[in-house]
Amino acid sequence: MALADILDAFDQAENERKIEEARDSAGNDMLKMMQIVFPITTQIQMSVIGKYGFPEDGDGEALLSVSLSLVSWSHLCVIVVVPWTHPSCTTS
């Protein structure tokens, strides 16, 4: 649900406006995108992750990222490993 709430936060009209203004200000300059747009998107995410027990700071962002990676990896392991370990998939 955290990801859905983060996406919902990005879809809020006020946040969409802030991001669009920042993008317009940055233009095609990647450095300016990192300096102007990235902090706004990070702030939006931080405003949501506190509801899920993560600190509302850079550490919370990192913890969320690691947590999502672990969940994604565990699902991938189930998808990839189970067929090879299932008795119907083994050859005798």
N, C-alpha and C. Protein backbone atom coordinates (compact mmCIF):
# COMPACT_ATOMS: atom_id res chain seq x y z
N MET A 1 0.80 -1.19 0.00
CA MET A 1 0.00 0.00 0.00
C MET A 1 0.85 1.27 0.00
N ALA A 2 2.06 1.17 0.51
CA ALA A 2 2.92 2.36 0.55
C ALA A 2 3.15 2.90 -0.86
N LEU A 3 3.43 2.00 -1.80
CA LEU A 3 3.67 2.46 -3.18
C LEU A 3 2.42 3.11 -3.77
N ALA A 4 1.27 2.52 -3.51
CA ALA A 4 0.03 3.09 -4.02
C ALA A 4 -0.21 4.47 -3.42
N ASP A 5 0.07 4.63 -2.13
CA ASP A 5 -0.10 5.94 -1.50
C ASP A 5 0.90 6.96 -2.04
N ILE A 6 2.11 6.52 -2.32
CA ILE A 6 3.11 7.43 -2.90
C ILE A 6 2.65 7.88 -4.29
N LEU A 7 2.17 6.93 -5.09
CA LEU A 7 1.68 7.29 -6.43
C LEU A 7 0.48 8.22 -6.34
N ASP A 8 -0.40 7.95 -5.38
CA ASP A 8 -1.55 8.85 -5.17
C ASP A 8 -1.08 10.26 -4.81
N ALA A 9 -0.04 10.34 -3.99
CA ALA A 9 0.49 11.65 -3.61
C ALA A 9 1.04 12.39 -4.83
N PHE A 10 1.69 11.66 -5.74
CA PHE A 10 2.20 12.29 -6.95
C PHE A 10 1.06 12.76 -7.85
N ASP A 11 -0.08 12.10 -7.77
CA ASP A 11 -1.24 12.46 -8.61
C ASP A 11 -2.05 13.62 -8.05
N GLN A 12 -1.77 14.07 -6.84
CA GLN A 12 -2.49 15.20 -6.28
C GLN A 12 -2.16 16.46 -7.10
N ALA A 13 -3.17 17.23 -7.37
CA ALA A 13 -3.02 18.40 -8.26
C ALA A 13 -1.90 19.33 -7.81
N GLU A 14 -1.82 19.61 -6.52
CA GLU A 14 -0.78 20.52 -6.02
C GLU A 14 0.62 19.96 -6.28
N ASN A 15 0.78 18.67 -6.04
CA ASN A 15 2.10 18.05 -6.26
C ASN A 15 2.43 17.96 -7.74
N GLU A 16 1.43 17.66 -8.56
CA GLU A 16 1.66 17.64 -10.00
C GLU A 16 2.12 19.02 -10.49
N ARG A 17 1.48 20.07 -9.95
CA ARG A 17 1.86 21.44 -10.33
C ARG A 17 3.30 21.74 -9.93
N LYS A 18 3.67 21.37 -8.69
CA LYS A 18 5.04 21.61 -8.22
C LYS A 18 6.07 20.90 -9.10
N ILE A 19 5.78 19.65 -9.43
CA ILE A 19 6.73 18.88 -10.24
C ILE A 19 6.82 19.45 -11.64
N GLU A 20 5.69 19.82 -12.22
CA GLU A 20 5.70 20.38 -13.57
C GLU A 20 6.46 21.70 -13.62
N GLU A 21 6.27 22.56 -12.62
CA GLU A 21 7.01 23.82 -12.57
C GLU A 21 8.51 23.55 -12.42
N ALA A 22 8.86 22.58 -11.61
CA ALA A 22 10.28 22.24 -11.43
C ALA A 22 10.87 21.70 -12.72
N ARG A 23 10.13 20.85 -13.42
CA ARG A 23 10.60 20.32 -14.71
C ARG A 23 10.81 21.44 -15.72
N ASP A 24 9.84 22.35 -15.77
CA ASP A 24 9.96 23.47 -16.70
C ASP A 24 11.19 24.31 -16.37
N SER A 25 11.44 24.51 -15.09
CA SER A 25 12.59 25.29 -14.66
C SER A 25 13.91 24.60 -15.00
N ALA A 26 13.92 23.28 -14.88
CA ALA A 26 15.15 22.52 -15.14
C ALA A 26 15.42 22.35 -16.63
N GLY A 27 14.37 22.36 -17.42
CA GLY A 27 14.55 22.14 -18.85
C GLY A 27 15.12 20.76 -19.13
N ASN A 28 16.06 20.68 -20.05
CA ASN A 28 16.69 19.40 -20.41
C ASN A 28 18.01 19.18 -19.68
N ASP A 29 18.32 20.02 -18.73
CA ASP A 29 19.57 19.93 -17.99
C ASP A 29 19.43 18.91 -16.86
N MET A 30 20.12 17.77 -16.99
CA MET A 30 20.01 16.70 -16.01
C MET A 30 20.47 17.13 -14.62
N LEU A 31 21.51 17.93 -14.55
CA LEU A 31 21.99 18.41 -13.26
C LEU A 31 20.92 19.25 -12.57
N LYS A 32 20.27 20.13 -13.34
CA LYS A 32 19.20 20.93 -12.76
C LYS A 32 18.01 20.07 -12.35
N MET A 33 17.75 19.00 -13.11
CA MET A 33 16.68 18.07 -12.72
C MET A 33 16.98 17.49 -11.35
N MET A 34 18.23 17.10 -11.12
CA MET A 34 18.62 16.52 -9.84
C MET A 34 18.56 17.58 -8.73
N GLN A 35 18.88 18.81 -9.07
CA GLN A 35 18.90 19.87 -8.07
C GLN A 35 17.50 20.42 -7.76
N ILE A 36 16.62 20.42 -8.74
CA ILE A 36 15.32 21.07 -8.58
C ILE A 36 14.18 20.06 -8.44
N VAL A 37 14.10 19.09 -9.34
CA VAL A 37 12.97 18.15 -9.36
C VAL A 37 13.12 17.07 -8.29
N PHE A 38 14.30 16.49 -8.19
CA PHE A 38 14.52 15.39 -7.25
C PHE A 38 14.14 15.74 -5.81
N PRO A 39 14.55 16.91 -5.30
CA PRO A 39 14.15 17.24 -3.92
C PRO A 39 12.63 17.32 -3.72
N ILE A 40 11.92 17.78 -4.72
CA ILE A 40 10.46 17.87 -4.61
C ILE A 40 9.85 16.48 -4.57
N THR A 41 10.30 15.60 -5.46
CA THR A 41 9.75 14.24 -5.46
C THR A 41 10.10 13.51 -4.16
N THR A 42 11.30 13.75 -3.65
CA THR A 42 11.71 13.13 -2.39
C THR A 42 10.83 13.63 -1.25
N GLN A 43 10.56 14.92 -1.23
CA GLN A 43 9.72 15.50 -0.19
C GLN A 43 8.31 14.91 -0.22
N ILE A 44 7.78 14.71 -1.41
CA ILE A 44 6.45 14.11 -1.56
C ILE A 44 6.45 12.69 -1.00
N GLN A 45 7.48 11.93 -1.35
CA GLN A 45 7.56 10.55 -0.85
C GLN A 45 7.71 10.52 0.66
N MET A 46 8.54 11.40 1.19
CA MET A 46 8.76 11.42 2.64
C MET A 46 7.48 11.77 3.40
N SER A 47 6.61 12.55 2.78
CA SER A 47 5.36 12.91 3.45
C SER A 47 4.43 11.71 3.58
N VAL A 48 4.68 10.65 2.82
CA VAL A 48 3.83 9.46 2.84
C VAL A 48 4.42 8.34 3.69
N ILE A 49 5.73 8.15 3.62
CA ILE A 49 6.31 6.94 4.21
C ILE A 49 6.22 6.89 5.74
N GLY A 50 6.03 8.02 6.38
CA GLY A 50 5.89 8.03 7.83
C GLY A 50 4.68 7.23 8.30
N LYS A 51 3.65 7.17 7.46
CA LYS A 51 2.46 6.40 7.81
C LYS A 51 2.75 4.90 7.89
N TYR A 52 3.87 4.49 7.34
CA TYR A 52 4.22 3.07 7.30
C TYR A 52 5.39 2.74 8.22
N GLY A 53 5.68 3.66 9.14
CA GLY A 53 6.70 3.41 10.15
C GLY A 53 8.11 3.76 9.74
N PHE A 54 8.29 4.34 8.57
CA PHE A 54 9.62 4.74 8.13
C PHE A 54 9.89 6.17 8.58
N PRO A 55 11.13 6.48 8.93
CA PRO A 55 11.45 7.87 9.27
C PRO A 55 11.19 8.77 8.05
N GLU A 56 10.70 9.96 8.29
CA GLU A 56 10.43 10.89 7.19
C GLU A 56 11.67 11.70 6.85
N ASP A 57 12.70 10.98 6.43
CA ASP A 57 13.97 11.60 6.05
C ASP A 57 14.67 10.71 5.03
N GLY A 58 15.90 11.06 4.72
CA GLY A 58 16.66 10.27 3.76
C GLY A 58 16.87 8.83 4.18
N ASP A 59 17.03 8.61 5.49
CA ASP A 59 17.18 7.24 5.98
C ASP A 59 15.90 6.44 5.74
N GLY A 60 14.77 7.08 5.93
CA GLY A 60 13.49 6.41 5.68
C GLY A 60 13.33 6.04 4.22
N GLU A 61 13.77 6.95 3.34
CA GLU A 61 13.73 6.66 1.90
C GLU A 61 14.60 5.44 1.58
N ALA A 62 15.80 5.40 2.16
CA ALA A 62 16.70 4.28 1.92
C ALA A 62 16.12 2.98 2.47
N LEU A 63 15.53 3.03 3.66
CA LEU A 63 14.93 1.84 4.25
C LEU A 63 13.75 1.34 3.41
N LEU A 64 12.95 2.26 2.91
CA LEU A 64 11.84 1.87 2.05
C LEU A 64 12.36 1.19 0.80
N SER A 65 13.38 1.76 0.20
CA SER A 65 13.95 1.20 -1.01
C SER A 65 14.48 -0.21 -0.77
N VAL A 66 15.20 -0.40 0.32
CA VAL A 66 15.73 -1.72 0.65
C VAL A 66 14.58 -2.70 0.91
N SER A 67 13.58 -2.25 1.65
CA SER A 67 12.44 -3.11 1.96
C SER A 67 11.73 -3.56 0.69
N LEU A 68 11.53 -2.63 -0.23
CA LEU A 68 10.87 -2.97 -1.49
C LEU A 68 11.73 -3.92 -2.31
N SER A 69 13.03 -3.73 -2.28
CA SER A 69 13.93 -4.63 -3.00
C SER A 69 13.86 -6.03 -2.43
N LEU A 70 13.83 -6.14 -1.11
CA LEU A 70 13.76 -7.45 -0.47
C LEU A 70 12.44 -8.15 -0.80
N VAL A 71 11.34 -7.39 -0.76
CA VAL A 71 10.04 -7.98 -1.09
C VAL A 71 10.03 -8.42 -2.55
N SER A 72 10.53 -7.58 -3.43
CA SER A 72 10.58 -7.94 -4.85
C SER A 72 11.44 -9.17 -5.06
N TRP A 73 12.58 -9.22 -4.41
CA TRP A 73 13.49 -10.35 -4.57
C TRP A 73 12.86 -11.63 -4.03
N SER A 74 12.17 -11.55 -2.89
CA SER A 74 11.57 -12.75 -2.32
C SER A 74 10.47 -13.27 -3.24
N HIS A 75 9.72 -12.38 -3.88
CA HIS A 75 8.70 -12.83 -4.83
C HIS A 75 9.35 -13.45 -6.06
N LEU A 76 10.44 -12.89 -6.51
CA LEU A 76 11.15 -13.44 -7.66
C LEU A 76 11.69 -14.82 -7.33
N CYS A 77 12.23 -14.99 -6.12
CA CYS A 77 12.75 -16.29 -5.72
C CYS A 77 11.64 -17.34 -5.72
N VAL A 78 10.47 -16.97 -5.25
CA VAL A 78 9.35 -17.91 -5.23
C VAL A 78 8.98 -18.29 -6.66
N ILE A 79 8.93 -17.32 -7.54
CA ILE A 79 8.55 -17.59 -8.92
C ILE A 79 9.60 -18.46 -9.61
N VAL A 80 10.87 -18.18 -9.37
CA VAL A 80 11.93 -18.88 -10.08
C VAL A 80 12.29 -20.21 -9.43
N VAL A 81 12.36 -20.27 -8.11
CA VAL A 81 12.85 -21.46 -7.43
C VAL A 81 11.79 -22.54 -7.31
N VAL A 82 10.57 -22.17 -7.00
CA VAL A 82 9.54 -23.17 -6.74
C VAL A 82 9.35 -24.15 -7.89
N PRO A 83 9.29 -23.72 -9.15
CA PRO A 83 9.09 -24.72 -10.20
C PRO A 83 10.18 -25.79 -10.24
N TRP A 84 11.41 -25.42 -9.95
CA TRP A 84 12.49 -26.40 -10.00
C TRP A 84 12.51 -27.30 -8.78
N THR A 85 11.93 -26.86 -7.68
CA THR A 85 11.94 -27.67 -6.48
C THR A 85 10.65 -28.44 -6.28
N HIS A 86 9.66 -28.13 -7.09
CA HIS A 86 8.38 -28.83 -6.97
C HIS A 86 8.54 -30.25 -7.49
N PRO A 87 7.99 -31.25 -6.80
CA PRO A 87 8.14 -32.65 -7.20
C PRO A 87 7.71 -32.92 -8.64
N SER A 88 6.70 -32.23 -9.14
CA SER A 88 6.24 -32.50 -10.50
C SER A 88 7.23 -32.00 -11.54
N CYS A 89 8.20 -31.18 -11.13
CA CYS A 89 9.18 -30.63 -12.07
C CYS A 89 10.49 -31.40 -12.06
N THR A 90 10.64 -32.35 -11.17
CA THR A 90 11.89 -33.09 -11.10
C THR A 90 11.84 -34.31 -12.01
N THR A 91 12.98 -34.70 -12.48
CA THR A 91 13.05 -35.90 -13.32
C THR A 91 13.61 -37.04 -12.51
N SER A 92 13.08 -38.20 -12.69
CA SER A 92 13.56 -39.37 -11.93
C SER A 92 14.22 -40.35 -12.85
